[in-house]
N, C-alpha and C. Protein backbone atom coordinates (compact mmCIF):
# COMPACT_ATOMS: atom_id res chain seq x y z
N MET A 1 73.16 72.51 -69.13
CA MET A 1 73.31 72.80 -68.16
C MET A 1 71.65 73.36 -68.34
N GLN A 2 71.46 73.98 -67.03
CA GLN A 2 70.09 74.74 -67.18
C GLN A 2 70.45 76.51 -67.98
N PRO A 3 69.53 76.32 -68.47
CA PRO A 3 69.98 78.02 -69.08
C PRO A 3 70.17 79.34 -67.65
N SER A 4 70.71 80.47 -67.74
CA SER A 4 70.79 81.50 -67.05
C SER A 4 69.75 82.28 -67.31
N SER A 5 69.32 83.28 -66.37
CA SER A 5 68.08 84.04 -67.08
C SER A 5 68.45 85.20 -68.18
N GLY A 6 68.24 85.20 -68.73
CA GLY A 6 68.21 85.97 -69.48
C GLY A 6 68.61 85.21 -71.53
N PHE A 7 68.91 83.79 -71.17
CA PHE A 7 69.23 82.72 -72.24
C PHE A 7 68.56 81.56 -71.42
N GLU A 8 67.54 81.34 -71.70
CA GLU A 8 66.64 80.74 -70.99
C GLU A 8 65.44 80.24 -72.20
N THR A 9 65.48 81.45 -73.09
CA THR A 9 63.90 81.06 -74.95
C THR A 9 65.30 80.94 -75.65
N ALA A 10 64.51 80.89 -76.96
CA ALA A 10 64.29 80.58 -78.06
C ALA A 10 65.60 81.84 -78.99
N GLU A 11 65.08 82.79 -78.35
CA GLU A 11 65.79 84.08 -78.53
C GLU A 11 67.10 84.43 -78.50
N VAL A 12 68.48 83.72 -78.01
CA VAL A 12 69.27 83.50 -78.17
C VAL A 12 69.86 83.53 -79.13
N PHE A 13 68.91 82.72 -80.34
CA PHE A 13 69.52 82.73 -81.64
C PHE A 13 69.17 83.36 -82.59
N LYS A 14 69.01 85.13 -82.12
CA LYS A 14 68.20 85.36 -83.04
C LYS A 14 69.63 86.55 -83.90
N SER A 15 70.98 85.99 -83.93
CA SER A 15 71.92 86.40 -84.79
C SER A 15 72.20 85.55 -85.80
N VAL A 16 71.43 84.06 -85.79
CA VAL A 16 71.48 83.44 -86.57
C VAL A 16 70.86 83.55 -88.00
N GLN A 17 71.86 83.54 -89.14
CA GLN A 17 71.16 83.79 -90.73
C GLN A 17 70.63 82.05 -91.09
N SER A 18 68.99 81.87 -90.50
CA SER A 18 68.50 80.76 -90.60
C SER A 18 68.44 80.60 -92.63
N ALA A 19 68.43 81.42 -93.18
CA ALA A 19 67.65 81.81 -94.73
C ALA A 19 66.56 81.40 -94.57
N GLY A 20 65.26 81.40 -93.56
CA GLY A 20 63.72 81.33 -94.21
C GLY A 20 63.76 79.70 -93.14
N HIS A 21 64.64 79.00 -92.67
CA HIS A 21 64.06 78.16 -92.18
C HIS A 21 64.39 78.14 -90.49
N SER A 22 63.35 77.31 -90.09
CA SER A 22 62.44 76.88 -88.70
C SER A 22 63.58 76.41 -87.80
N ILE A 23 63.41 77.36 -86.46
CA ILE A 23 64.36 76.22 -85.45
C ILE A 23 63.82 75.18 -85.12
N LEU A 24 64.27 73.39 -85.16
CA LEU A 24 63.01 72.54 -84.76
C LEU A 24 63.76 71.70 -83.44
N THR A 25 62.71 70.98 -82.85
CA THR A 25 63.45 69.84 -81.96
C THR A 25 62.09 68.69 -82.39
N TYR A 26 63.03 67.76 -81.68
CA TYR A 26 61.92 66.36 -81.88
C TYR A 26 61.59 65.91 -80.58
N ASP A 27 59.64 65.79 -80.95
CA ASP A 27 59.59 65.08 -79.63
C ASP A 27 59.12 63.71 -80.16
N GLY A 28 59.54 62.45 -79.76
CA GLY A 28 58.92 61.19 -80.46
C GLY A 28 57.91 61.06 -80.14
N SER A 29 56.66 61.14 -79.80
CA SER A 29 55.18 61.41 -79.39
C SER A 29 54.48 62.19 -80.70
N SER A 30 55.25 63.80 -81.29
CA SER A 30 54.45 64.39 -82.02
C SER A 30 55.17 64.40 -83.14
N GLY A 31 56.43 64.05 -83.31
CA GLY A 31 57.05 64.32 -84.22
C GLY A 31 58.10 65.94 -84.19
N TRP A 32 57.74 66.43 -85.23
CA TRP A 32 59.17 67.75 -85.29
C TRP A 32 58.20 68.39 -84.81
N VAL A 33 58.70 69.48 -84.16
CA VAL A 33 58.52 70.89 -83.34
C VAL A 33 59.14 72.30 -83.40
N THR A 34 57.96 72.99 -84.61
CA THR A 34 59.10 74.15 -84.45
C THR A 34 59.23 74.99 -82.84
N ILE A 35 60.29 75.81 -83.04
CA ILE A 35 60.86 77.07 -82.14
C ILE A 35 60.51 77.84 -82.12
N GLY A 36 59.55 78.84 -81.69
CA GLY A 36 59.87 80.14 -81.37
C GLY A 36 60.66 81.45 -81.40
N LYS A 37 60.94 82.53 -80.77
CA LYS A 37 62.00 82.96 -79.95
C LYS A 37 61.53 83.17 -78.73
N ASN A 38 60.37 82.40 -78.48
CA ASN A 38 60.25 83.10 -76.93
C ASN A 38 59.93 81.60 -76.36
N ASP A 39 59.93 80.39 -76.95
CA ASP A 39 59.84 79.60 -76.58
C ASP A 39 60.65 79.19 -75.54
N LEU A 40 60.76 78.00 -74.21
CA LEU A 40 61.74 78.26 -73.43
C LEU A 40 62.56 76.61 -74.02
N LEU A 41 63.56 77.20 -73.68
CA LEU A 41 64.94 75.87 -74.23
C LEU A 41 65.11 75.25 -73.09
N ARG A 42 64.76 74.16 -72.86
CA ARG A 42 65.19 72.56 -72.41
C ARG A 42 66.50 71.79 -72.03
N PRO A 43 67.12 71.81 -70.63
CA PRO A 43 68.41 71.20 -71.18
C PRO A 43 67.59 69.76 -71.03
N MET A 44 69.13 69.81 -72.07
CA MET A 44 69.05 67.60 -72.45
C MET A 44 68.53 67.61 -73.95
N THR A 45 67.76 69.06 -74.74
CA THR A 45 67.10 68.61 -75.71
C THR A 45 67.85 69.15 -76.52
N GLY A 46 67.79 68.14 -77.87
CA GLY A 46 68.88 68.91 -79.16
C GLY A 46 67.59 69.85 -79.58
N TYR A 47 68.41 70.82 -80.65
CA TYR A 47 67.40 71.69 -81.43
C TYR A 47 68.06 71.62 -82.68
N TRP A 48 68.03 71.56 -83.45
CA TRP A 48 68.53 71.62 -85.31
C TRP A 48 67.91 72.73 -86.06
N ILE A 49 69.45 72.93 -85.77
CA ILE A 49 69.66 75.33 -86.44
C ILE A 49 70.19 75.35 -87.97
N TYR A 50 69.47 75.34 -88.59
CA TYR A 50 70.39 75.84 -89.93
C TYR A 50 70.43 77.15 -90.08
N SER A 51 71.94 77.33 -90.23
CA SER A 51 72.73 78.60 -90.55
C SER A 51 73.43 78.57 -91.90
N THR A 52 73.60 79.68 -92.19
CA THR A 52 74.10 80.15 -93.66
C THR A 52 75.26 80.28 -93.30
N THR A 53 75.59 80.96 -92.37
CA THR A 53 77.33 80.92 -91.73
C THR A 53 77.73 80.72 -90.84
N SER A 54 78.70 80.33 -90.33
CA SER A 54 79.36 80.54 -88.50
C SER A 54 79.15 80.97 -87.77
N VAL A 55 78.66 80.75 -86.38
CA VAL A 55 77.81 81.58 -85.53
C VAL A 55 78.19 80.91 -83.94
N SER A 56 78.93 81.75 -83.07
CA SER A 56 79.54 82.01 -81.50
C SER A 56 77.54 82.48 -81.06
N ILE A 57 77.32 81.25 -80.41
CA ILE A 57 76.16 81.74 -79.62
C ILE A 57 76.31 82.12 -78.01
N PRO A 58 76.66 82.93 -77.75
CA PRO A 58 76.69 83.38 -75.96
C PRO A 58 75.97 82.09 -75.36
N LEU A 59 76.04 81.80 -74.36
CA LEU A 59 75.21 80.99 -73.45
C LEU A 59 75.17 80.53 -71.94
N THR A 60 74.53 81.09 -71.11
CA THR A 60 74.85 81.52 -69.77
C THR A 60 74.11 80.16 -68.62
N ALA A 61 74.85 79.66 -68.21
CA ALA A 61 74.49 78.33 -67.26
C ALA A 61 74.31 78.68 -65.25
N SER A 62 73.86 78.33 -65.55
CA SER A 62 73.56 78.57 -64.00
C SER A 62 73.05 77.26 -62.88
N GLY A 63 73.69 75.97 -63.27
CA GLY A 63 74.09 74.58 -62.72
C GLY A 63 73.25 73.99 -63.78
N ILE A 64 73.18 72.89 -62.72
CA ILE A 64 72.60 71.75 -63.56
C ILE A 64 71.07 71.54 -63.64
N PRO A 65 71.06 70.97 -65.07
CA PRO A 65 69.31 70.88 -64.84
C PRO A 65 68.53 70.03 -63.41
N THR A 66 67.10 70.52 -63.63
CA THR A 66 66.43 69.89 -62.08
C THR A 66 65.35 68.80 -62.39
N GLU A 67 65.23 68.37 -64.27
CA GLU A 67 64.65 68.03 -64.27
C GLU A 67 65.08 66.61 -65.05
N SER A 68 64.45 65.52 -65.54
CA SER A 68 65.35 64.52 -66.66
C SER A 68 64.40 64.61 -67.82
N LYS A 69 64.57 64.14 -68.51
CA LYS A 69 64.65 64.45 -69.57
C LYS A 69 63.87 62.74 -70.43
N ALA A 70 62.65 62.56 -70.31
CA ALA A 70 61.27 61.67 -71.19
C ALA A 70 61.99 61.10 -72.52
N LEU A 71 62.56 59.69 -72.28
CA LEU A 71 62.06 59.45 -73.87
C LEU A 71 62.01 58.24 -74.16
N THR A 72 61.09 58.79 -75.62
CA THR A 72 60.04 57.86 -75.83
C THR A 72 60.40 56.63 -76.53
N THR A 73 59.42 55.54 -76.72
CA THR A 73 60.13 54.30 -77.33
C THR A 73 60.30 54.56 -79.12
N GLY A 74 61.70 54.63 -79.52
CA GLY A 74 62.63 54.49 -80.79
C GLY A 74 63.69 55.49 -80.44
N TRP A 75 62.90 56.44 -81.86
CA TRP A 75 64.48 57.46 -82.15
C TRP A 75 64.02 58.69 -81.45
N ASN A 76 65.23 59.63 -80.41
CA ASN A 76 64.26 60.84 -79.65
C ASN A 76 66.14 61.42 -80.10
N LEU A 77 65.96 63.22 -80.06
CA LEU A 77 66.57 63.93 -80.02
C LEU A 77 67.45 64.48 -78.93
N ALA A 78 68.69 64.06 -78.33
CA ALA A 78 68.23 64.67 -76.61
C ALA A 78 69.62 65.36 -76.73
N GLY A 79 69.81 65.75 -75.87
CA GLY A 79 71.65 66.45 -75.20
C GLY A 79 72.06 65.98 -73.37
N VAL A 80 73.24 65.49 -74.00
CA VAL A 80 73.55 65.40 -72.61
C VAL A 80 74.01 66.49 -71.52
N SER A 81 73.86 66.63 -70.09
CA SER A 81 74.25 68.18 -69.79
C SER A 81 75.25 68.15 -68.98
N GLY A 82 76.56 68.42 -68.27
CA GLY A 82 77.84 68.15 -67.55
C GLY A 82 78.48 69.64 -67.96
N THR A 83 79.95 69.32 -67.92
CA THR A 83 81.19 70.57 -68.80
C THR A 83 82.03 69.63 -69.79
N THR A 84 81.93 67.98 -70.09
CA THR A 84 82.78 67.62 -71.01
C THR A 84 82.61 66.31 -71.03
N ALA A 85 82.67 66.42 -72.33
CA ALA A 85 82.69 65.00 -73.25
C ALA A 85 83.21 63.67 -72.72
N GLN A 86 81.84 62.47 -72.31
CA GLN A 86 82.21 61.78 -72.06
C GLN A 86 81.76 60.60 -73.72
N THR A 87 82.33 59.31 -73.57
CA THR A 87 81.91 58.46 -73.98
C THR A 87 80.06 58.14 -73.91
N ALA A 88 79.84 57.29 -75.14
CA ALA A 88 78.38 57.10 -74.64
C ALA A 88 77.74 56.21 -73.42
N GLU A 89 78.15 55.00 -73.39
CA GLU A 89 78.60 53.76 -72.87
C GLU A 89 78.26 54.22 -70.91
N LEU A 90 79.34 56.00 -71.15
CA LEU A 90 78.95 56.41 -69.44
C LEU A 90 78.40 57.30 -69.69
N ALA A 91 77.97 58.35 -70.21
CA ALA A 91 77.05 59.32 -70.29
C ALA A 91 75.48 59.02 -70.32
N LEU A 92 75.16 57.49 -71.14
CA LEU A 92 74.20 56.70 -71.10
C LEU A 92 74.01 56.03 -69.86
N SER A 93 74.78 55.22 -69.28
CA SER A 93 75.02 54.60 -68.68
C SER A 93 73.52 54.14 -67.57
N GLY A 94 73.02 55.52 -67.23
CA GLY A 94 71.60 55.35 -66.30
C GLY A 94 70.18 54.41 -67.04
N LEU A 95 70.99 54.52 -68.48
CA LEU A 95 69.58 54.12 -69.74
C LEU A 95 69.46 52.75 -69.60
N SER A 96 68.54 51.68 -69.23
CA SER A 96 68.90 50.59 -69.46
C SER A 96 68.85 49.67 -71.11
N SER A 97 67.93 50.25 -72.16
CA SER A 97 67.19 50.07 -72.69
C SER A 97 68.15 51.08 -74.09
N TRP A 98 69.22 51.25 -74.31
CA TRP A 98 69.43 52.15 -75.73
C TRP A 98 69.93 51.21 -76.59
N THR A 99 69.97 51.25 -77.31
CA THR A 99 70.56 51.30 -78.67
C THR A 99 71.97 51.26 -79.62
N TYR A 100 71.79 52.35 -79.80
CA TYR A 100 72.43 53.03 -81.31
C TYR A 100 72.33 55.23 -80.49
N VAL A 101 73.14 55.70 -80.82
CA VAL A 101 73.46 56.85 -81.02
C VAL A 101 74.22 57.73 -81.94
N VAL A 102 73.65 58.62 -82.73
CA VAL A 102 73.78 58.99 -83.88
C VAL A 102 74.59 61.13 -83.30
N THR A 103 75.68 61.14 -83.91
CA THR A 103 75.57 62.34 -83.88
C THR A 103 76.81 62.92 -85.29
N TYR A 104 75.97 64.15 -85.05
CA TYR A 104 76.26 65.01 -86.26
C TYR A 104 77.89 65.93 -86.24
N ASP A 105 78.43 65.95 -87.09
CA ASP A 105 79.69 66.75 -87.51
C ASP A 105 79.21 67.61 -88.40
N ASN A 106 79.45 69.23 -87.41
CA ASN A 106 78.71 70.20 -88.52
C ASN A 106 80.10 70.76 -89.15
N SER A 107 80.97 70.41 -89.27
CA SER A 107 82.00 71.32 -90.29
C SER A 107 81.70 70.21 -91.48
N SER A 108 82.05 69.05 -91.68
CA SER A 108 81.52 68.28 -92.23
C SER A 108 79.62 68.41 -93.37
N GLN A 109 79.29 68.87 -92.65
CA GLN A 109 78.31 68.68 -92.42
C GLN A 109 77.52 67.11 -93.05
N GLN A 110 77.65 66.22 -92.17
CA GLN A 110 77.13 65.00 -92.65
C GLN A 110 77.19 64.31 -90.68
N TYR A 111 76.18 63.04 -91.24
CA TYR A 111 76.23 62.39 -89.90
C TYR A 111 77.54 61.44 -89.36
N ARG A 112 77.68 61.35 -88.07
CA ARG A 112 78.50 60.49 -87.85
C ARG A 112 78.15 59.16 -88.04
N ASP A 113 79.19 57.92 -88.08
CA ASP A 113 78.84 56.38 -87.42
C ASP A 113 77.82 56.13 -86.35
N ALA A 114 76.82 55.69 -86.72
CA ALA A 114 76.01 54.83 -85.37
C ALA A 114 76.66 54.29 -84.35
N GLY A 115 77.15 55.14 -83.32
CA GLY A 115 77.47 54.37 -81.57
C GLY A 115 76.49 53.44 -81.58
N VAL A 116 76.55 52.34 -81.11
CA VAL A 116 76.29 51.06 -80.90
C VAL A 116 76.53 50.40 -79.14
N LYS A 117 75.41 50.41 -78.73
CA LYS A 117 76.01 49.67 -77.09
C LYS A 117 76.36 48.57 -76.79
N GLY A 118 77.54 48.74 -76.14
CA GLY A 118 78.22 47.66 -76.10
C GLY A 118 79.30 47.11 -76.89
N ALA A 119 79.36 48.29 -77.67
CA ALA A 119 80.69 47.95 -78.97
C ALA A 119 81.88 48.02 -78.65
N GLN A 120 82.93 48.29 -79.20
CA GLN A 120 84.36 48.18 -78.70
C GLN A 120 84.53 49.90 -79.46
N ALA A 121 83.88 50.55 -80.21
CA ALA A 121 84.13 51.85 -80.70
C ALA A 121 83.18 53.02 -79.61
N GLN A 122 84.15 53.67 -79.54
CA GLN A 122 83.44 54.73 -78.81
C GLN A 122 82.24 56.57 -79.11
N THR A 123 81.60 55.87 -78.98
CA THR A 123 80.97 57.62 -79.36
C THR A 123 81.00 58.39 -78.52
N MET A 124 81.57 59.55 -78.48
CA MET A 124 81.82 60.56 -77.91
C MET A 124 80.44 61.43 -77.67
N LEU A 125 79.83 61.80 -76.46
CA LEU A 125 78.44 62.95 -76.58
C LEU A 125 79.62 63.81 -75.67
N ALA A 126 79.38 65.15 -76.09
CA ALA A 126 79.53 66.24 -75.95
C ALA A 126 78.07 67.03 -74.96
N PRO A 127 78.83 68.53 -73.72
CA PRO A 127 77.51 68.78 -73.52
C PRO A 127 77.57 70.03 -74.86
N GLY A 128 76.96 70.76 -75.57
CA GLY A 128 75.84 71.74 -75.63
C GLY A 128 75.91 70.64 -77.53
N GLU A 129 76.23 69.82 -77.58
CA GLU A 129 75.60 69.08 -79.10
C GLU A 129 74.36 67.82 -78.45
N GLY A 130 73.74 68.32 -80.03
CA GLY A 130 72.32 67.32 -79.59
C GLY A 130 72.70 65.94 -80.38
N PHE A 131 71.69 64.65 -80.17
CA PHE A 131 71.89 63.25 -80.55
C PHE A 131 70.99 62.61 -80.45
N TRP A 132 70.37 61.89 -81.71
CA TRP A 132 70.23 61.04 -81.75
C TRP A 132 69.56 59.61 -80.97
N ILE A 133 68.89 59.21 -80.24
CA ILE A 133 69.05 58.29 -79.68
C ILE A 133 68.15 57.24 -79.62
N TYR A 134 69.01 56.00 -79.91
CA TYR A 134 67.77 55.00 -80.43
C TYR A 134 66.77 54.47 -78.85
N VAL A 135 65.66 54.16 -77.98
CA VAL A 135 65.53 53.54 -76.89
C VAL A 135 64.49 52.17 -77.44
N ASN A 136 64.39 51.00 -77.05
CA ASN A 136 63.57 50.21 -76.93
C ASN A 136 62.15 50.28 -75.65
N SER A 137 62.22 50.72 -74.94
CA SER A 137 61.13 51.22 -74.29
C SER A 137 60.87 52.71 -73.62
N PRO A 138 60.40 53.22 -72.76
CA PRO A 138 60.13 54.78 -72.68
C PRO A 138 61.50 55.01 -71.32
N GLU A 139 61.97 55.45 -71.60
CA GLU A 139 63.48 55.90 -70.38
C GLU A 139 63.14 57.50 -69.74
N SER A 140 64.06 57.99 -68.97
CA SER A 140 64.29 58.96 -68.82
C SER A 140 65.71 59.09 -68.19
N LEU A 141 65.99 60.15 -69.00
CA LEU A 141 67.16 60.72 -69.09
C LEU A 141 67.70 61.50 -68.25
N SER A 142 68.67 61.48 -66.97
CA SER A 142 68.48 62.11 -66.41
C SER A 142 69.98 63.12 -66.24
N PRO A 143 70.45 64.43 -64.94
CA PRO A 143 71.13 65.26 -65.66
C PRO A 143 71.86 64.24 -64.90
N ALA A 144 73.65 65.05 -65.59
CA ALA A 144 74.82 64.60 -64.97
C ALA A 144 75.27 66.15 -63.98
N ALA A 145 75.87 65.83 -62.64
CA ALA A 145 76.46 66.68 -62.00
C ALA A 145 77.75 67.48 -62.85
């Protein structure tokens, strides 16, 4: 979803006890990028946030994103828009060259098994949760209604 006014910057994470760790995102072209409190949060972008305690971040959205997310060849940190979890096959149906998706289970603090395009076991992708996606050529991930 598109962040509402007042919820569009990384300032929304101010209550996270990060033990001095930076908030990061990953850009396939330049690698890891540190996010500052005034940086805009981008829809369909995954963020890596370390927290010493469980914390709820109140977010307010104002509709679907207006722009697609560019994915570069190789691994990308992304997210899906929408309001309900979907299988990777459905959520990524607009992409032709994805091969793998890897999600993270924050309760067990480990990655889940990789989802493979066309496999019988379906990986679920949920709005608000980032995931790693491997694409074989540059693509654009479009927002879902």
